[in-house]
Amino acid sequence: MAPELTLGLTLVALLFEAAFGYPALLVARIGHPVMWAGGLIGCLDRHLNRDRDPAWRRKIAGIAALLVLLALCVGMGILAQRALLALPFGFLAVALLGSTLLAQRSLYEHVARVAEGLDAGLAEGRAAVSMIVGRDPDALDEAGVSRAAIESLAENFSDGIVAPALWMAIGGLPGICLYKAANTADSMIGHRTPRHNDFGWAAARFDDVINLPASRLAGWLMIAAALLMPGASARQAWRAVRRDARFHKSPNAGWPEAALAGALGLALAGPRVYHGQLVTDGTMGTGGRRACTAEDIRRALALYRIADALLIALVAAGAAAFWAM
């Protein structure tokens, strides 16, 4: 596809989703595209991932499941894009479909609710953070809740916004469909549990690969945002990325988390508990394990909004450059 078309679609999708998000009424009535993909992944998991099979067979079954998922989702994206672009105002329709796979507004709202919850009390903060992280909220104090929310903000800026926008800019609607299908598969079956260690191997590895360029871009956007935000440090953000990002258990999440931690003088990641098990991880940033608060969440949200605006500006500049050629 022509880059001026894919970049234009991405720009409109970003602007629409930032302004309106995905209506709750549609979620209640028809669900969400990620939920539909999740239903297909669950079906493939139930029918192909058999406990009695040896590890090698479960790994092959997982590869087959991933290929089926990607083929169906990309195929639907291709058909929808071709059909809609042939219609009047089809460009806008394709962009609106793409916007459903972005999460700028919903990410901000979910993380902001954690700060609001902590203002009301620890129980409310724990309830709010349980909606966006997988760790046990009852094991978290106020500082733990705040750090969990900020870490989720940094990681989801990369894989919930920058990555889908990047793949839409590359491949239009089929590109963003491919990315969200793979990312949803990783979130559902890409865990190192007895059931999914082999079956989810392909989903986890593929997600690592397709998220790599976006995670680096997300880190750079955080660093650039720190230049524009009073009280933030772009220099410390860059130092944290260079020093700490490679020690994160994820090959990608370390970039945005380290950049955000360095920019705001925080310490993120490190040892934490998931489902009753201690997960050791490198610490991002040199802010010390000081008691993070709801105010730190709000500072992180302010940095996030600037970084997101820079992403939109970058896509707009790319679209304008190609349209001018």
C-alpha atoms as a PDB file:
ATOM      1  CA  MET A   1       0.000   0.000   0.000  1.00  0.00           C
ATOM      2  CA  ALA A   2       1.068   3.565  -0.635  1.00  0.00           C
ATOM      3  CA  PRO A   3       2.631   5.078   2.522  1.00  0.00           C
ATOM      4  CA  GLU A   4       0.644   8.290   2.109  1.00  0.00           C
ATOM      5  CA  LEU A   5      -2.536   6.207   2.393  1.00  0.00           C
ATOM      6  CA  THR A   6      -1.458   4.101   5.380  1.00  0.00           C
ATOM      7  CA  LEU A   7      -0.015   7.097   7.215  1.00  0.00           C
ATOM      8  CA  GLY A   8      -3.172   9.106   6.536  1.00  0.00           C
ATOM      9  CA  LEU A   9      -5.329   6.267   7.851  1.00  0.00           C
ATOM     10  CA  THR A  10      -3.161   5.998  10.944  1.00  0.00           C
ATOM     11  CA  LEU A  11      -3.341   9.723  11.622  1.00  0.00           C
ATOM     12  CA  VAL A  12      -7.146   9.817  11.429  1.00  0.00           C
ATOM     13  CA  ALA A  13      -7.396   6.672  13.554  1.00  0.00           C
ATOM     14  CA  LEU A  14      -5.156   8.148  16.250  1.00  0.00           C
ATOM     15  CA  LEU A  15      -7.031  11.438  16.334  1.00  0.00           C
ATOM     16  CA  PHE A  16     -10.447   9.773  16.469  1.00  0.00           C
ATOM     17  CA  GLU A  17      -9.516   7.319  19.205  1.00  0.00           C
ATOM     18  CA  ALA A  18      -7.824  10.007  21.294  1.00  0.00           C
ATOM     19  CA  ALA A  19     -10.979  12.122  21.098  1.00  0.00           C
ATOM     20  CA  PHE A  20     -13.694   9.497  21.479  1.00  0.00           C
ATOM     21  CA  GLY A  21     -12.232   6.110  22.387  1.00  0.00           C
ATOM     22  CA  TYR A  22     -14.303   2.968  21.897  1.00  0.00           C
ATOM     23  CA  PRO A  23     -17.885   3.582  23.060  1.00  0.00           C
ATOM     24  CA  ALA A  24     -18.947   1.572  26.104  1.00  0.00           C
ATOM     25  CA  LEU A  25     -22.322   1.047  24.436  1.00  0.00           C
ATOM     26  CA  LEU A  26     -20.640  -0.908  21.631  1.00  0.00           C
ATOM     27  CA  VAL A  27     -18.732  -3.017  24.141  1.00  0.00           C
ATOM     28  CA  ALA A  28     -22.018  -3.930  25.808  1.00  0.00           C
ATOM     29  CA  ARG A  29     -23.820  -4.598  22.531  1.00  0.00           C
ATOM     30  CA  ILE A  30     -21.265  -6.270  20.284  1.00  0.00           C
ATOM     31  CA  GLY A  31     -18.077  -6.548  22.327  1.00  0.00           C
ATOM     32  CA  HIS A  32     -14.677  -5.367  21.082  1.00  0.00           C
ATOM     33  CA  PRO A  33     -12.482  -6.666  18.223  1.00  0.00           C
ATOM     34  CA  VAL A  34      -9.868  -7.810  20.746  1.00  0.00           C
ATOM     35  CA  MET A  35     -12.582  -9.807  22.521  1.00  0.00           C
ATOM     36  CA  TRP A  36     -13.515 -11.450  19.219  1.00  0.00           C
ATOM     37  CA  ALA A  37      -9.883 -12.400  18.586  1.00  0.00           C
ATOM     38  CA  GLY A  38      -9.676 -13.646  22.160  1.00  0.00           C
ATOM     39  CA  GLY A  39     -12.642 -15.920  21.567  1.00  0.00           C
ATOM     40  CA  LEU A  40     -10.919 -17.467  18.560  1.00  0.00           C
ATOM     41  CA  ILE A  41      -7.674 -17.918  20.505  1.00  0.00           C
ATOM     42  CA  GLY A  42      -9.557 -19.605  23.336  1.00  0.00           C
ATOM     43  CA  CYS A  43     -11.215 -21.971  20.875  1.00  0.00           C
ATOM     44  CA  LEU A  44      -7.874 -22.893  19.296  1.00  0.00           C
ATOM     45  CA  ASP A  45      -6.369 -23.398  22.735  1.00  0.00           C
ATOM     46  CA  ARG A  46      -9.160 -25.759  23.809  1.00  0.00           C
ATOM     47  CA  HIS A  47      -9.056 -27.876  20.658  1.00  0.00           C
ATOM     48  CA  LEU A  48      -5.349 -27.956  19.775  1.00  0.00           C
ATOM     49  CA  ASN A  49      -3.551 -27.730  23.114  1.00  0.00           C
ATOM     50  CA  ARG A  50      -3.941 -31.257  24.502  1.00  0.00           C
ATOM     51  CA  ASP A  51      -2.364 -32.068  27.860  1.00  0.00           C
ATOM     52  CA  ARG A  52      -1.548 -35.622  26.793  1.00  0.00           C
ATOM     53  CA  ASP A  53       0.576 -34.507  23.816  1.00  0.00           C
ATOM     54  CA  PRO A  54       4.371 -34.321  24.122  1.00  0.00           C
ATOM     55  CA  ALA A  55       6.073 -30.928  24.226  1.00  0.00           C
ATOM     56  CA  TRP A  56       7.162 -30.957  20.574  1.00  0.00           C
ATOM     57  CA  ARG A  57       3.649 -31.658  19.342  1.00  0.00           C
ATOM     58  CA  ARG A  58       2.163 -28.911  21.517  1.00  0.00           C
ATOM     59  CA  LYS A  59       4.746 -26.477  20.152  1.00  0.00           C
ATOM     60  CA  ILE A  60       3.782 -27.374  16.558  1.00  0.00           C
ATOM     61  CA  ALA A  61       0.111 -27.047  17.471  1.00  0.00           C
ATOM     62  CA  GLY A  62       0.841 -23.572  18.854  1.00  0.00           C
ATOM     63  CA  ILE A  63       2.561 -22.552  15.628  1.00  0.00           C
ATOM     64  CA  ALA A  64      -0.431 -23.808  13.642  1.00  0.00           C
ATOM     65  CA  ALA A  65      -2.835 -21.942  15.935  1.00  0.00           C
ATOM     66  CA  LEU A  66      -0.899 -18.705  15.504  1.00  0.00           C
ATOM     67  CA  LEU A  67      -0.850 -19.080  11.713  1.00  0.00           C
ATOM     68  CA  VAL A  68      -4.601 -19.731  11.608  1.00  0.00           C
ATOM     69  CA  LEU A  69      -5.267 -16.709  13.816  1.00  0.00           C
ATOM     70  CA  LEU A  70      -3.063 -14.387  11.767  1.00  0.00           C
ATOM     71  CA  ALA A  71      -4.426 -15.629   8.438  1.00  0.00           C
ATOM     72  CA  LEU A  72      -8.032 -15.072   9.505  1.00  0.00           C
ATOM     73  CA  CYS A  73      -7.457 -11.659  11.067  1.00  0.00           C
ATOM     74  CA  VAL A  74      -5.251 -10.323   8.275  1.00  0.00           C
ATOM     75  CA  GLY A  75      -7.613 -11.754   5.661  1.00  0.00           C
ATOM     76  CA  MET A  76     -10.566  -9.992   7.253  1.00  0.00           C
ATOM     77  CA  GLY A  77      -8.543  -6.771   7.369  1.00  0.00           C
ATOM     78  CA  ILE A  78      -7.694  -7.025   3.670  1.00  0.00           C
ATOM     79  CA  LEU A  79     -11.292  -7.729   2.653  1.00  0.00           C
ATOM     80  CA  ALA A  80     -12.717  -4.937   4.807  1.00  0.00           C
ATOM     81  CA  GLN A  81     -10.166  -2.391   3.610  1.00  0.00           C
ATOM     82  CA  ARG A  82     -10.649  -3.195  -0.077  1.00  0.00           C
ATOM     83  CA  ALA A  83     -14.437  -3.159   0.186  1.00  0.00           C
ATOM     84  CA  LEU A  84     -14.609   0.080   2.158  1.00  0.00           C
ATOM     85  CA  LEU A  85     -12.056   2.029   0.125  1.00  0.00           C
ATOM     86  CA  ALA A  86     -14.213   1.420  -2.945  1.00  0.00           C
ATOM     87  CA  LEU A  87     -17.109   3.300  -1.296  1.00  0.00           C
ATOM     88  CA  PRO A  88     -17.690   7.020  -0.744  1.00  0.00           C
ATOM     89  CA  PHE A  89     -16.082   8.082   2.548  1.00  0.00           C
ATOM     90  CA  GLY A  90     -14.484   4.649   2.690  1.00  0.00           C
ATOM     91  CA  PHE A  91     -11.190   6.177   3.845  1.00  0.00           C
ATOM     92  CA  LEU A  92     -12.873   7.417   7.020  1.00  0.00           C
ATOM     93  CA  ALA A  93     -14.580   4.068   7.577  1.00  0.00           C
ATOM     94  CA  VAL A  94     -11.257   2.208   7.390  1.00  0.00           C
ATOM     95  CA  ALA A  95      -9.634   4.716   9.750  1.00  0.00           C
ATOM     96  CA  LEU A  96     -12.489   4.329  12.240  1.00  0.00           C
ATOM     97  CA  LEU A  97     -12.126   0.548  12.158  1.00  0.00           C
ATOM     98  CA  GLY A  98      -8.411   0.934  12.802  1.00  0.00           C
ATOM     99  CA  SER A  99      -9.096   3.263  15.722  1.00  0.00           C
ATOM    100  CA  THR A 100     -10.851   0.435  17.583  1.00  0.00           C
ATOM    101  CA  LEU A 101      -7.471  -1.310  17.884  1.00  0.00           C
ATOM    102  CA  LEU A 102      -5.746   1.670  19.529  1.00  0.00           C
ATOM    103  CA  ALA A 103      -5.941   2.439  23.246  1.00  0.00           C
ATOM    104  CA  GLN A 104      -4.850   6.028  23.896  1.00  0.00           C
ATOM    105  CA  ARG A 105      -7.999   7.200  25.654  1.00  0.00           C
ATOM    106  CA  SER A 106      -8.808   3.977  27.467  1.00  0.00           C
ATOM    107  CA  LEU A 107      -5.235   3.624  28.774  1.00  0.00           C
ATOM    108  CA  TYR A 108      -5.303   7.152  30.178  1.00  0.00           C
ATOM    109  CA  GLU A 109      -8.706   6.604  31.787  1.00  0.00           C
ATOM    110  CA  HIS A 110      -7.781   3.266  33.381  1.00  0.00           C
ATOM    111  CA  VAL A 111      -4.547   4.573  34.873  1.00  0.00           C
ATOM    112  CA  ALA A 112      -6.168   7.826  36.017  1.00  0.00           C
ATOM    113  CA  ARG A 113      -8.771   5.762  37.885  1.00  0.00           C
ATOM    114  CA  VAL A 114      -5.984   4.226  39.946  1.00  0.00           C
ATOM    115  CA  ALA A 115      -4.858   7.682  41.121  1.00  0.00           C
ATOM    116  CA  GLU A 116      -8.464   8.621  41.858  1.00  0.00           C
ATOM    117  CA  GLY A 117      -8.938   5.346  43.713  1.00  0.00           C
ATOM    118  CA  LEU A 118      -5.894   5.957  45.892  1.00  0.00           C
ATOM    119  CA  ASP A 119      -7.255   9.392  46.739  1.00  0.00           C
ATOM    120  CA  ALA A 120     -10.305   7.602  48.157  1.00  0.00           C
ATOM    121  CA  GLY A 121      -8.333   4.880  49.929  1.00  0.00           C
ATOM    122  CA  LEU A 122      -6.028   1.906  49.431  1.00  0.00           C
ATOM    123  CA  ALA A 123      -8.883  -0.549  48.804  1.00  0.00           C
ATOM    124  CA  GLU A 124     -10.212   1.604  45.958  1.00  0.00           C
ATOM    125  CA  GLY A 125      -6.723   1.945  44.491  1.00  0.00           C
ATOM    126  CA  ARG A 126      -6.201  -1.812  44.613  1.00  0.00           C
ATOM    127  CA  ALA A 127      -9.546  -2.408  42.887  1.00  0.00           C
ATOM    128  CA  ALA A 128      -8.672   0.035  40.116  1.00  0.00           C
ATOM    129  CA  VAL A 129      -5.173  -1.329  39.508  1.00  0.00           C
ATOM    130  CA  SER A 130      -6.491  -4.912  39.379  1.00  0.00           C
ATOM    131  CA  MET A 131      -8.177  -3.957  36.088  1.00  0.00           C
ATOM    132  CA  ILE A 132      -4.869  -3.275  34.342  1.00  0.00           C
ATOM    133  CA  VAL A 133      -2.211  -5.537  35.912  1.00  0.00           C
ATOM    134  CA  GLY A 134      -1.867  -9.254  36.545  1.00  0.00           C
ATOM    135  CA  ARG A 135      -0.243  -9.132  39.959  1.00  0.00           C
ATOM    136  CA  ASP A 136      -2.146  -9.724  43.203  1.00  0.00           C
ATOM    137  CA  PRO A 137      -3.510  -6.312  44.269  1.00  0.00           C
ATOM    138  CA  ASP A 138      -4.034  -7.430  47.877  1.00  0.00           C
ATOM    139  CA  ALA A 139      -0.267  -7.776  48.241  1.00  0.00           C
ATOM    140  CA  LEU A 140       0.340  -4.150  47.219  1.00  0.00           C
ATOM    141  CA  ASP A 141       0.614  -1.137  49.481  1.00  0.00           C
ATOM    142  CA  GLU A 142       0.008   2.389  48.178  1.00  0.00           C
ATOM    143  CA  ALA A 143       3.511   2.608  46.714  1.00  0.00           C
ATOM    144  CA  GLY A 144       3.109  -0.807  45.076  1.00  0.00           C
ATOM    145  CA  VAL A 145      -0.229   0.154  43.553  1.00  0.00           C
ATOM    146  CA  SER A 146       1.251   3.386  42.219  1.00  0.00           C
ATOM    147  CA  ARG A 147       4.300   1.654  40.720  1.00  0.00           C
ATOM    148  CA  ALA A 148       2.117  -1.035  39.127  1.00  0.00           C
ATOM    149  CA  ALA A 149      -0.052   1.609  37.475  1.00  0.00           C
ATOM    150  CA  ILE A 150       2.955   3.546  36.171  1.00  0.00           C
ATOM    151  CA  GLU A 151       4.628   0.393  34.846  1.00  0.00           C
ATOM    152  CA  SER A 152       1.409  -0.580  33.073  1.00  0.00           C
ATOM    153  CA  LEU A 153       1.176   2.896  31.569  1.00  0.00           C
ATOM    154  CA  ALA A 154       4.719   2.695  30.177  1.00  0.00           C
ATOM    155  CA  GLU A 155       4.396  -0.837  28.791  1.00  0.00           C
ATOM    156  CA  ASN A 156       0.952  -0.267  27.292  1.00  0.00           C
ATOM    157  CA  PHE A 157       2.042   2.983  25.677  1.00  0.00           C
ATOM    158  CA  SER A 158       4.365   0.792  23.634  1.00  0.00           C
ATOM    159  CA  ASP A 159       2.226  -2.267  22.870  1.00  0.00           C
ATOM    160  CA  GLY A 160      -1.225  -0.663  23.054  1.00  0.00           C
ATOM    161  CA  ILE A 161      -0.554   2.530  21.102  1.00  0.00           C
ATOM    162  CA  VAL A 162       2.842   2.918  19.442  1.00  0.00           C
ATOM    163  CA  ALA A 163       3.042  -0.643  18.097  1.00  0.00           C
ATOM    164  CA  PRO A 164      -0.452  -0.828  16.558  1.00  0.00           C
ATOM    165  CA  ALA A 165      -0.018   2.662  15.116  1.00  0.00           C
ATOM    166  CA  LEU A 166       3.337   1.660  13.625  1.00  0.00           C
ATOM    167  CA  TRP A 167       1.931  -1.492  12.040  1.00  0.00           C
ATOM    168  CA  MET A 168      -1.070   0.410  10.688  1.00  0.00           C
ATOM    169  CA  ALA A 169       1.315   2.971   9.199  1.00  0.00           C
ATOM    170  CA  ILE A 170       3.177   0.094   7.522  1.00  0.00           C
ATOM    171  CA  GLY A 171       0.288  -2.089   6.393  1.00  0.00           C
ATOM    172  CA  GLY A 172      -2.987  -0.234   6.844  1.00  0.00           C
ATOM    173  CA  LEU A 173      -5.916  -2.106   8.380  1.00  0.00           C
ATOM    174  CA  PRO A 174      -4.384  -5.563   7.683  1.00  0.00           C
ATOM    175  CA  GLY A 175      -1.198  -4.445   9.427  1.00  0.00           C
ATOM    176  CA  ILE A 176      -2.888  -3.356  12.622  1.00  0.00           C
ATOM    177  CA  CYS A 177      -5.091  -6.478  12.571  1.00  0.00           C
ATOM    178  CA  LEU A 178      -1.995  -8.661  12.368  1.00  0.00           C
ATOM    179  CA  TYR A 179      -0.380  -6.872  15.276  1.00  0.00           C
ATOM    180  CA  LYS A 180      -3.397  -6.918  17.590  1.00  0.00           C
ATOM    181  CA  ALA A 181      -4.094 -10.581  16.853  1.00  0.00           C
ATOM    182  CA  ALA A 182      -0.512 -11.525  17.718  1.00  0.00           C
ATOM    183  CA  ASN A 183      -0.417  -9.311  20.804  1.00  0.00           C
ATOM    184  CA  THR A 184      -3.714 -10.722  22.079  1.00  0.00           C
ATOM    185  CA  ALA A 185      -2.419 -14.256  21.552  1.00  0.00           C
ATOM    186  CA  ASP A 186       0.685 -13.439  23.574  1.00  0.00           C
ATOM    187  CA  SER A 187      -1.394 -12.018  26.427  1.00  0.00           C
ATOM    188  CA  MET A 188      -3.590 -15.129  26.517  1.00  0.00           C
ATOM    189  CA  ILE A 189      -1.265 -18.046  25.816  1.00  0.00           C
ATOM    190  CA  GLY A 190       2.253 -16.602  25.792  1.00  0.00           C
ATOM    191  CA  HIS A 191       2.932 -17.357  29.458  1.00  0.00           C
ATOM    192  CA  ARG A 192       5.448 -19.828  30.880  1.00  0.00           C
ATOM    193  CA  THR A 193       2.876 -21.969  32.623  1.00  0.00           C
ATOM    194  CA  PRO A 194       2.661 -25.783  32.403  1.00  0.00           C
ATOM    195  CA  ARG A 195      -0.236 -25.491  29.944  1.00  0.00           C
ATOM    196  CA  HIS A 196       1.165 -22.764  27.700  1.00  0.00           C
ATOM    197  CA  ASN A 197       4.937 -23.041  27.933  1.00  0.00           C
ATOM    198  CA  ASP A 198       5.051 -25.037  24.671  1.00  0.00           C
ATOM    199  CA  PHE A 199       1.733 -24.206  23.003  1.00  0.00           C
ATOM    200  CA  GLY A 200       2.269 -20.475  23.516  1.00  0.00           C
ATOM    201  CA  TRP A 201       5.936 -20.460  22.519  1.00  0.00           C
ATOM    202  CA  ALA A 202       5.320 -19.217  18.964  1.00  0.00           C
ATOM    203  CA  ALA A 203       2.901 -16.491  20.091  1.00  0.00           C
ATOM    204  CA  ALA A 204       5.360 -15.193  22.696  1.00  0.00           C
ATOM    205  CA  ARG A 205       8.359 -15.181  20.361  1.00  0.00           C
ATOM    206  CA  PHE A 206       6.429 -13.600  17.477  1.00  0.00           C
ATOM    207  CA  ASP A 207       5.088 -10.871  19.776  1.00  0.00           C
ATOM    208  CA  ASP A 208       8.635 -10.105  20.947  1.00  0.00           C
ATOM    209  CA  VAL A 209       9.776  -9.622  17.349  1.00  0.00           C
ATOM    210  CA  ILE A 210       6.928  -7.413  16.141  1.00  0.00           C
ATOM    211  CA  ASN A 211       7.075  -5.250  19.279  1.00  0.00           C
ATOM    212  CA  LEU A 212      10.807  -4.598  19.067  1.00  0.00           C
ATOM    213  CA  PRO A 213      10.777  -1.493  16.806  1.00  0.00           C
ATOM    214  CA  ALA A 214       7.786   0.059  18.569  1.00  0.00           C
ATOM    215  CA  SER A 215       9.306  -0.363  22.041  1.00  0.00           C
ATOM    216  CA  ARG A 216      12.398   1.565  20.949  1.00  0.00           C
ATOM    217  CA  LEU A 217      10.254   4.269  19.390  1.00  0.00           C
ATOM    218  CA  ALA A 218       8.129   4.454  22.556  1.00  0.00           C
ATOM    219  CA  GLY A 219      11.277   4.954  24.620  1.00  0.00           C
ATOM    220  CA  TRP A 220      12.485   7.751  22.361  1.00  0.00           C
ATOM    221  CA  LEU A 221       9.068   9.422  22.507  1.00  0.00           C
ATOM    222  CA  MET A 222       9.210   9.334  26.313  1.00  0.00           C
ATOM    223  CA  ILE A 223      12.686  10.869  26.226  1.00  0.00           C
ATOM    224  CA  ALA A 224      11.524  13.598  23.836  1.00  0.00           C
ATOM    225  CA  ALA A 225       8.457  14.239  26.003  1.00  0.00           C
ATOM    226  CA  ALA A 226      10.747  14.762  29.002  1.00  0.00           C
ATOM    227  CA  LEU A 227      12.377  17.632  27.122  1.00  0.00           C
ATOM    228  CA  LEU A 228       9.001  19.379  26.981  1.00  0.00           C
ATOM    229  CA  MET A 229       7.700  18.620  30.479  1.00  0.00           C
ATOM    230  CA  PRO A 230       8.747  20.832  33.391  1.00  0.00           C
ATOM    231  CA  GLY A 231      10.337  18.810  36.164  1.00  0.00           C
ATOM    232  CA  ALA A 232      11.209  15.861  33.917  1.00  0.00           C
ATOM    233  CA  SER A 233      14.726  14.982  32.790  1.00  0.00           C
ATOM    234  CA  ALA A 234      15.418  13.789  29.257  1.00  0.00           C
ATOM    235  CA  ARG A 235      19.080  13.227  30.165  1.00  0.00           C
ATOM    236  CA  GLN A 236      18.201  10.883  33.026  1.00  0.00           C
ATOM    237  CA  ALA A 237      15.624   9.145  30.841  1.00  0.00           C
ATOM    238  CA  TRP A 238      18.274   8.363  28.230  1.00  0.00           C
ATOM    239  CA  ARG A 239      20.760   7.247  30.879  1.00  0.00           C
ATOM    240  CA  ALA A 240      18.181   4.895  32.397  1.00  0.00           C
ATOM    241  CA  VAL A 241      17.416   3.376  28.987  1.00  0.00           C
ATOM    242  CA  ARG A 242      21.094   2.812  28.207  1.00  0.00           C
ATOM    243  CA  ARG A 243      21.846   1.379  31.633  1.00  0.00           C
ATOM    244  CA  ASP A 244      18.712  -0.539  32.640  1.00  0.00           C
ATOM    245  CA  ALA A 245      16.489  -1.486  29.697  1.00  0.00           C
ATOM    246  CA  ARG A 246      18.449  -4.622  28.807  1.00  0.00           C
ATOM    247  CA  PHE A 247      17.996  -6.022  32.314  1.00  0.00           C
ATOM    248  CA  HIS A 248      14.190  -6.106  32.112  1.00  0.00           C
ATOM    249  CA  LYS A 249      12.717  -9.607  31.863  1.00  0.00           C
ATOM    250  CA  SER A 250      10.930  -8.473  28.690  1.00  0.00           C
ATOM    251  CA  PRO A 251      13.113  -7.693  25.655  1.00  0.00           C
ATOM    252  CA  ASN A 252      10.844  -4.741  24.882  1.00  0.00           C
ATOM    253  CA  ALA A 253       9.124  -3.374  27.995  1.00  0.00           C
ATOM    254  CA  GLY A 254      12.421  -2.161  29.447  1.00  0.00           C
ATOM    255  CA  TRP A 255      12.704   0.702  26.960  1.00  0.00           C
ATOM    256  CA  PRO A 256       9.529   2.648  27.800  1.00  0.00           C
ATOM    257  CA  GLU A 257       9.660   1.711  31.494  1.00  0.00           C
ATOM    258  CA  ALA A 258      13.289   2.800  31.903  1.00  0.00           C
ATOM    259  CA  ALA A 259      12.669   6.007  29.948  1.00  0.00           C
ATOM    260  CA  LEU A 260       9.669   6.936  32.087  1.00  0.00           C
ATOM    261  CA  ALA A 261      11.441   6.012  35.319  1.00  0.00           C
ATOM    262  CA  GLY A 262      14.506   8.062  34.444  1.00  0.00           C
ATOM    263  CA  ALA A 263      12.468  11.025  33.261  1.00  0.00           C
ATOM    264  CA  LEU A 264      10.529  11.260  36.537  1.00  0.00           C
ATOM    265  CA  GLY A 265      13.203  10.092  38.962  1.00  0.00           C
ATOM    266  CA  LEU A 266      11.424   6.841  39.847  1.00  0.00           C
ATOM    267  CA  ALA A 267      12.443   3.212  40.228  1.00  0.00           C
ATOM    268  CA  LEU A 268      10.176   0.773  38.387  1.00  0.00           C
ATOM    269  CA  ALA A 269      10.045  -2.993  37.829  1.00  0.00           C
ATOM    270  CA  GLY A 270      12.376  -4.913  40.161  1.00  0.00           C
ATOM    271  CA  PRO A 271      11.178  -7.917  42.206  1.00  0.00           C
ATOM    272  CA  ARG A 272       7.380  -8.272  42.391  1.00  0.00           C
ATOM    273  CA  VAL A 273       4.721 -10.914  42.997  1.00  0.00           C
ATOM    274  CA  TYR A 274       2.509 -12.400  40.254  1.00  0.00           C
ATOM    275  CA  HIS A 275      -0.126 -14.961  41.248  1.00  0.00           C
ATOM    276  CA  GLY A 276       1.667 -15.671  44.513  1.00  0.00           C
ATOM    277  CA  GLN A 277       5.086 -16.196  42.878  1.00  0.00           C
ATOM    278  CA  LEU A 278       8.058 -13.854  43.201  1.00  0.00           C
ATOM    279  CA  VAL A 279       9.309 -12.592  39.838  1.00  0.00           C
ATOM    280  CA  THR A 280      12.838 -11.234  39.870  1.00  0.00           C
ATOM    281  CA  ASP A 281      13.514  -8.443  37.445  1.00  0.00           C
ATOM    282  CA  GLY A 282      15.945  -5.622  36.886  1.00  0.00           C
ATOM    283  CA  THR A 283      15.151  -2.235  38.360  1.00  0.00           C
ATOM    284  CA  MET A 284      14.435   0.522  35.861  1.00  0.00           C
ATOM    285  CA  GLY A 285      15.683   3.941  36.957  1.00  0.00           C
ATOM    286  CA  THR A 286      17.713   5.120  39.944  1.00  0.00           C
ATOM    287  CA  GLY A 287      14.994   6.851  41.947  1.00  0.00           C
ATOM    288  CA  GLY A 288      15.289   4.341  44.780  1.00  0.00           C
ATOM    289  CA  ARG A 289      12.375   2.329  46.079  1.00  0.00           C
ATOM    290  CA  ARG A 290      10.787   5.447  47.528  1.00  0.00           C
ATOM    291  CA  ALA A 291       7.095   5.485  48.219  1.00  0.00           C
ATOM    292  CA  CYS A 292       5.407   6.295  44.924  1.00  0.00           C
ATOM    293  CA  THR A 293       2.081   8.065  45.278  1.00  0.00           C
ATOM    294  CA  ALA A 294      -0.991   9.023  43.295  1.00  0.00           C
ATOM    295  CA  GLU A 295       0.807  12.256  42.410  1.00  0.00           C
ATOM    296  CA  ASP A 296       3.533  10.239  40.670  1.00  0.00           C
ATOM    297  CA  ILE A 297       0.828   8.503  38.629  1.00  0.00           C
ATOM    298  CA  ARG A 298      -0.455  11.911  37.545  1.00  0.00           C
ATOM    299  CA  ARG A 299       3.059  13.040  36.610  1.00  0.00           C
ATOM    300  CA  ALA A 300       3.465   9.866  34.539  1.00  0.00           C
ATOM    301  CA  LEU A 301       0.130  10.535  32.832  1.00  0.00           C
ATOM    302  CA  ALA A 302       1.258  14.063  31.977  1.00  0.00           C
ATOM    303  CA  LEU A 303       4.435  12.695  30.380  1.00  0.00           C
ATOM    304  CA  TYR A 304       2.387  10.062  28.562  1.00  0.00           C
ATOM    305  CA  ARG A 305       0.073  12.681  27.043  1.00  0.00           C
ATOM    306  CA  ILE A 306       3.033  14.636  25.691  1.00  0.00           C
ATOM    307  CA  ALA A 307       4.621  11.474  24.267  1.00  0.00           C
ATOM    308  CA  ASP A 308       1.334  10.498  22.641  1.00  0.00           C
ATOM    309  CA  ALA A 309       0.984  13.965  21.116  1.00  0.00           C
ATOM    310  CA  LEU A 310       4.501  13.593  19.721  1.00  0.00           C
ATOM    311  CA  LEU A 311       3.521  10.258  18.177  1.00  0.00           C
ATOM    312  CA  ILE A 312       0.531  11.869  16.464  1.00  0.00           C
ATOM    313  CA  ALA A 313       2.731  14.738  15.269  1.00  0.00           C
ATOM    314  CA  LEU A 314       5.280  12.257  13.898  1.00  0.00           C
ATOM    315  CA  VAL A 315       2.615  10.381  11.942  1.00  0.00           C
ATOM    316  CA  ALA A 316       1.180  13.683  10.663  1.00  0.00           C
ATOM    317  CA  ALA A 317       4.631  14.823   9.512  1.00  0.00           C
ATOM    318  CA  GLY A 318       5.179  11.520   7.711  1.00  0.00           C
ATOM    319  CA  ALA A 319       1.813  11.711   5.994  1.00  0.00           C
ATOM    320  CA  ALA A 320       2.395  15.324   4.949  1.00  0.00           C
ATOM    321  CA  ALA A 321       5.855  14.496   3.592  1.00  0.00           C
ATOM    322  CA  PHE A 322       4.551  11.647   1.410  1.00  0.00           C
ATOM    323  CA  TRP A 323       1.519  13.611   0.230  1.00  0.00           C
ATOM    324  CA  ALA A 324       3.853  16.439  -0.837  1.00  0.00           C
ATOM    325  CA  MET A 325       6.031  14.135  -2.954  1.00  0.00           C
END
